[in-house]
Amino acid sequence: MAYPRARRGAVALAASLVLLAGCSAGGGEPASVTTPYAQVTPSPVPSGEGPSAPSTGKPPHNDLKTGRATHSLKAGSVRVKVKYSLRNSVQNWSPGMVQPMTVSLTARSSKGVQAGRVTTQKIYLSRVSALTQVSDAAGHLGSPDTIVDRADVTPGFLVTSPTYYTQVFTLPVFPAKATRLTIDFRYEILLLQSTSAPRDFAKRTATDTLIISRP
């Protein structure tokens, strides 16, 4: 069963919608502010439905039961901290309504030595993708298009702590019988290896999964 395509969201600010990225908490390089873009990459819709999950009598797993969650990820020597927050609590979700979710990310790496002094390695976020899957009590319902946020600056958004990336994604519309949304995130990271021209970067990838269950 095919499922409606997902739509990108935007931060609400004074009745205007904008997308923010690379906001700085002070220090380091200037923050980068992105302009809105709606780059999405279609994902295949699996056929068939999975088997029904056995009832355990326990409440369904819900990473965003309180509306917020913080996850610590690791990609090689890079430690990534991601914060997720919903604008509307899951308990208030209604079928047919899109739901904004804010994703904020900052990263740290092992310190290096350059010219006899200790420095913090610069880390950039080049791409974020979110694959969503919707299901009900009987199994899989469908997979909306993958949401993709590509950096519009080279080599990417600076996310070396305390600088951070923040973006608002619009989650897919739930059909009336849907009870579970699984989101697989992929964060593509670049580490500055050499400051001499041409600059060299090492690529790392951090992955994360969110499960959102509706009562």
Foldseek 3Di string as FASTA:
>chain_A
DADAAFWFAFDADPNDGFWAWFPFPDDDDHGDGDGDDFDFAFDDKDDDFDAFDDDPVDDDDAQCQVQKHWDWWDWPQKIKIKIKGWPDHLQPADFPDKTKMKIKMAMFGDWDADPRDIDTWWKFWAKKKKWKWWDARGGTDITHIIGMDGAPDPPHGTRHPPTMTMGMGIDGGDHRRTFKMKIKMKIKMWIFDDPPPPTDTDITIIIDMGMHGHD
